[in-house]
Protein backbone atom coordinates (compact mmCIF):
# COMPACT_ATOMS: atom_id res chain seq x y z
CA MET A 1 0.09 -0.27 0.01
CA ILE A 2 1.02 3.57 -1.02
CA ARG A 3 1.67 6.04 2.42
CA ALA A 4 1.45 9.66 1.37
CA SER A 5 -0.48 12.42 2.45
CA VAL A 6 -1.02 15.39 -0.36
CA ALA A 7 -1.78 19.17 1.01
CA VAL A 8 -4.06 20.40 -1.20
CA ALA A 9 -3.79 24.30 -1.48
CA ALA A 10 -5.16 27.00 -2.52
CA ARG A 11 -3.88 29.56 -5.43
CA ASP A 12 -2.52 32.28 -2.90
CA GLY A 13 -0.35 28.51 -1.11
CA SER A 14 -2.52 28.55 2.02
CA PRO A 15 -3.52 24.62 3.12
CA GLU A 16 -6.96 24.06 2.91
CA ASP A 17 -7.29 20.53 3.45
CA VAL A 18 -5.17 17.45 3.66
CA TYR A 19 -6.12 14.40 1.76
CA ASP A 20 -4.77 11.24 3.39
CA ALA A 21 -4.32 8.33 0.68
CA ARG A 22 -3.41 5.50 2.95
CA GLU A 23 -6.64 4.45 2.99
CA GLU A 24 -6.50 4.22 -0.96
CA GLU A 25 -6.13 1.22 -2.91
CA PRO A 26 -2.81 0.68 -4.34
CA GLN A 27 -1.63 2.29 -7.74
CA MET A 28 -1.88 0.03 -10.52
CA GLN A 29 1.55 -1.51 -10.55
CA ARG A 30 2.91 1.64 -8.82
CA ARG A 31 3.16 3.40 -12.74
CA PRO A 32 4.07 7.10 -12.72
CA PRO A 33 1.43 9.61 -12.98
CA PRO A 34 0.35 10.22 -16.76
CA LEU A 35 1.83 12.74 -19.30
CA ALA A 36 -0.17 15.58 -20.48
CA ASN A 37 0.94 18.50 -21.46
CA ILE A 38 -0.26 18.88 -24.94
CA ILE A 39 -2.98 20.73 -25.39
CA THR A 40 -4.32 21.51 -28.33
CA LEU A 41 -7.43 24.38 -29.69
CA GLY A 42 -9.52 23.27 -32.25
CA VAL A 43 -9.33 26.70 -34.49
CA GLN A 44 -11.53 28.02 -36.56
CA ASN A 45 -9.11 30.09 -39.21
CA PHE A 46 -5.84 28.05 -38.73
CA ASP A 47 -3.62 30.18 -40.82
CA ALA A 48 -4.56 33.35 -38.60
CA GLN A 49 -4.30 31.72 -35.03
CA ARG A 50 -0.32 29.73 -36.46
CA HIS A 51 0.68 33.40 -37.21
CA PHE A 52 -0.58 34.89 -34.27
CA TYR A 53 1.27 32.21 -32.31
CA ARG A 54 4.34 32.86 -34.55
CA GLN A 55 4.02 36.86 -33.63
CA LEU A 56 4.73 36.01 -29.96
CA GLY A 57 7.93 34.01 -30.86
CA TRP A 58 6.76 30.76 -29.39
CA PRO A 59 8.82 28.19 -31.49
CA GLN A 60 7.26 25.99 -33.87
CA ALA A 61 8.03 22.53 -33.58
CA PHE A 62 6.15 20.99 -36.49
CA ASP A 63 3.77 22.16 -39.23
CA SER A 64 1.96 19.46 -41.52
CA GLY A 65 -0.38 22.70 -43.19
CA ASP A 66 -3.62 21.27 -40.93
CA PHE A 67 -1.80 20.65 -37.73
CA ALA A 68 0.71 22.88 -35.84
CA VAL A 69 2.91 22.82 -32.57
CA PHE A 70 4.38 24.90 -30.85
CA GLU A 71 6.72 24.34 -28.19
CA LEU A 72 6.76 25.62 -24.45
CA ARG A 73 8.46 24.92 -21.67
CA GLY A 74 6.99 21.56 -20.50
CA ALA A 75 4.57 21.55 -23.00
CA LEU A 76 3.18 21.94 -26.90
CA LEU A 77 0.22 23.37 -28.18
CA ALA A 78 -1.35 22.30 -30.57
CA LEU A 79 -3.73 23.95 -33.34
CA PHE A 80 -6.31 22.25 -35.51
CA PRO A 81 -8.96 23.04 -37.16
CA ILE A 82 -12.47 22.54 -35.09
CA ASP A 83 -14.00 20.01 -37.45
CA LYS A 84 -11.03 17.98 -38.07
CA LEU A 85 -10.66 18.06 -33.82
CA ALA A 86 -14.36 16.98 -33.81
CA SER A 87 -14.28 14.33 -36.32
CA ASP A 88 -11.29 12.95 -34.76
CA ALA A 89 -13.26 13.07 -31.20
CA HIS A 90 -16.54 10.93 -32.70
CA ALA A 91 -18.09 15.14 -31.31
CA GLN A 92 -19.31 18.19 -32.57
CA PRO A 93 -17.98 21.01 -32.54
CA ASP A 94 -18.49 23.79 -30.44
CA PRO A 95 -17.11 27.12 -31.34
CA GLY A 96 -19.03 29.03 -29.16
CA ARG A 97 -17.67 32.91 -28.42
CA GLY A 98 -19.51 33.73 -25.16
CA GLY A 99 -16.91 33.94 -22.60
CA ILE A 100 -14.48 32.23 -20.82
CA ARG A 101 -14.49 27.97 -20.51
CA PHE A 102 -10.81 27.84 -20.33
CA SER A 103 -7.56 29.21 -19.47
CA ILE A 104 -4.02 27.80 -19.57
CA ILE A 105 -1.98 29.63 -17.04
CA ILE A 106 1.88 30.26 -18.60
CA ASN A 107 4.14 30.83 -15.94
CA VAL A 108 7.17 33.65 -16.14
CA ASP A 109 10.32 33.67 -13.55
CA THR A 110 9.85 37.58 -13.42
CA PRO A 111 7.29 40.18 -13.11
CA GLU A 112 8.59 41.90 -16.06
CA GLU A 113 8.27 39.17 -18.10
CA VAL A 114 4.58 39.21 -17.53
CA ASP A 115 4.24 42.84 -18.96
CA GLU A 116 7.10 41.58 -21.75
CA LEU A 117 4.64 38.59 -23.20
CA ALA A 118 1.52 41.07 -22.57
CA ALA A 119 2.81 44.05 -24.34
CA LEU A 120 3.87 41.56 -27.79
CA VAL A 121 -0.04 40.14 -27.65
CA PRO A 122 -1.76 43.28 -29.28
CA GLN A 123 1.10 43.64 -31.39
CA ALA A 124 0.24 39.84 -32.47
CA GLY A 125 -3.31 40.53 -32.98
CA GLY A 126 -4.28 39.09 -29.52
CA LYS A 127 -6.70 41.09 -27.24
CA LEU A 128 -5.36 42.02 -23.66
CA THR A 129 -8.20 41.24 -21.25
CA LYS A 130 -6.50 41.79 -17.94
CA ASN A 131 -3.48 44.37 -18.08
CA PRO A 132 -0.53 43.39 -16.17
CA THR A 133 -1.28 43.72 -12.43
CA ASP A 134 -0.90 42.15 -8.87
CA ALA A 135 -2.33 39.11 -8.51
CA GLU A 136 -6.07 39.41 -7.02
CA PHE A 137 -6.17 35.47 -5.82
CA PHE A 138 -2.26 34.58 -5.60
CA VAL A 139 1.40 36.37 -4.38
CA GLY A 140 2.41 37.82 -7.39
CA ARG A 141 1.90 39.37 -11.06
CA ASP A 142 -0.56 38.40 -13.72
CA ALA A 143 -2.05 39.40 -16.74
CA TYR A 144 -4.70 37.53 -19.16
CA PHE A 145 -5.20 37.93 -23.07
CA ALA A 146 -6.93 36.14 -25.48
CA ASP A 147 -5.96 34.65 -28.97
CA PRO A 148 -7.81 35.79 -32.22
CA GLU A 149 -10.42 33.24 -31.47
CA GLY A 150 -10.96 33.85 -27.83
CA ASN A 151 -8.78 31.15 -26.43
CA TYR A 152 -7.79 32.84 -22.81
CA TRP A 153 -4.09 32.60 -21.50
CA GLU A 154 -3.14 33.76 -18.25
CA ILE A 155 0.62 35.15 -17.84
CA ALA A 156 1.49 34.92 -13.79
CA CYS A 157 4.62 34.87 -11.73
CA ALA A 158 4.38 33.94 -8.37
CA PRO A 159 7.17 33.31 -5.68
CA PRO A 160 8.66 30.13 -6.19
CA ASP A 161 7.17 28.27 -2.55
CA ASN A 162 3.55 28.53 -4.71
CA PRO A 163 2.71 25.42 -4.35
CA VAL A 164 1.24 25.48 -8.22
CA VAL A 165 4.60 27.21 -9.50
CA SER A 166 6.39 23.88 -7.74
CA ALA A 167 3.97 21.58 -9.03
CA SER A 168 4.48 22.82 -12.82
CA ARG A 169 8.14 22.64 -12.32
CA ARG A 170 8.22 19.79 -11.54
CA ALA A 171 5.79 17.96 -13.61
CA ALA A 172 7.92 20.13 -16.77
CA GLY A 173 11.38 18.16 -14.76
CA VAL A 174 12.71 21.85 -14.47
CA ALA A 175 14.85 22.63 -11.39
CA PRO A 176 13.40 24.88 -8.81
CA ARG A 177 14.32 28.88 -9.39
CA PRO A 178 17.72 29.71 -7.83
CA LYS A 179 17.97 31.95 -5.23
CA ALA A 180 19.39 35.19 -7.42
CA ALA A 181 16.38 34.40 -9.65
CA GLN A 182 14.17 34.28 -6.57
CA ALA A 183 15.96 37.95 -5.24
CA ARG A 184 15.72 39.41 -8.68
CA ARG A 185 11.46 38.12 -8.62
CA LYS A 186 11.05 40.25 -5.83
CA ALA A 187 13.14 43.36 -6.32
CA GLY A 188 10.68 43.26 -9.29
CA LEU A 189 7.47 43.03 -7.70
CA LYS A 190 9.05 45.69 -5.28
CA ALA A 191 9.56 47.73 -8.58
CA ALA A 192 5.98 47.06 -10.21
CA LYS A 193 4.71 48.29 -6.76
CA LYS A 194 6.55 51.51 -6.73
CA ALA A 195 5.51 52.59 -10.59
CA LYS A 196 1.88 52.18 -9.87
């Protein structure tokens, strides 16, 4: 039997609850969790969406004419025409544009990187929906944008001891931030607050 306690934390890093896995059945064959780091967006205008992500400067790892993949640190973003994605999934396409249905979080190391990436969004054809600011629901800085088809992204910088930041770096196989980077991030947060 696997013996573990998992702390469930809010985005602000405060413990809310503790789940004790000691009473659970052992994992099947004690396999590691599945690797889930490819996000596929079903897009209506493939060429425009591909151009948008290229304009953000994200490296393109693959392009077959109707399927494009961009490489991010620890994950891949795939673009696929919505009708083909629906066909592949044996589902109906739902190109609704009524508001936010999901967001994908981009973790950056410094508050300045939040501002820098946010500045690229309008130039690339996207829309900032929340300008860079002190985060409302966690300690740090964030901004939101929507790509030309209304897919939402959050650009976030949080302290390295934030459990979501720690987990995302572990999942991506990225080492924890070095102490010097932590000090620069803190200095950047203070400078951003003074600039207000």
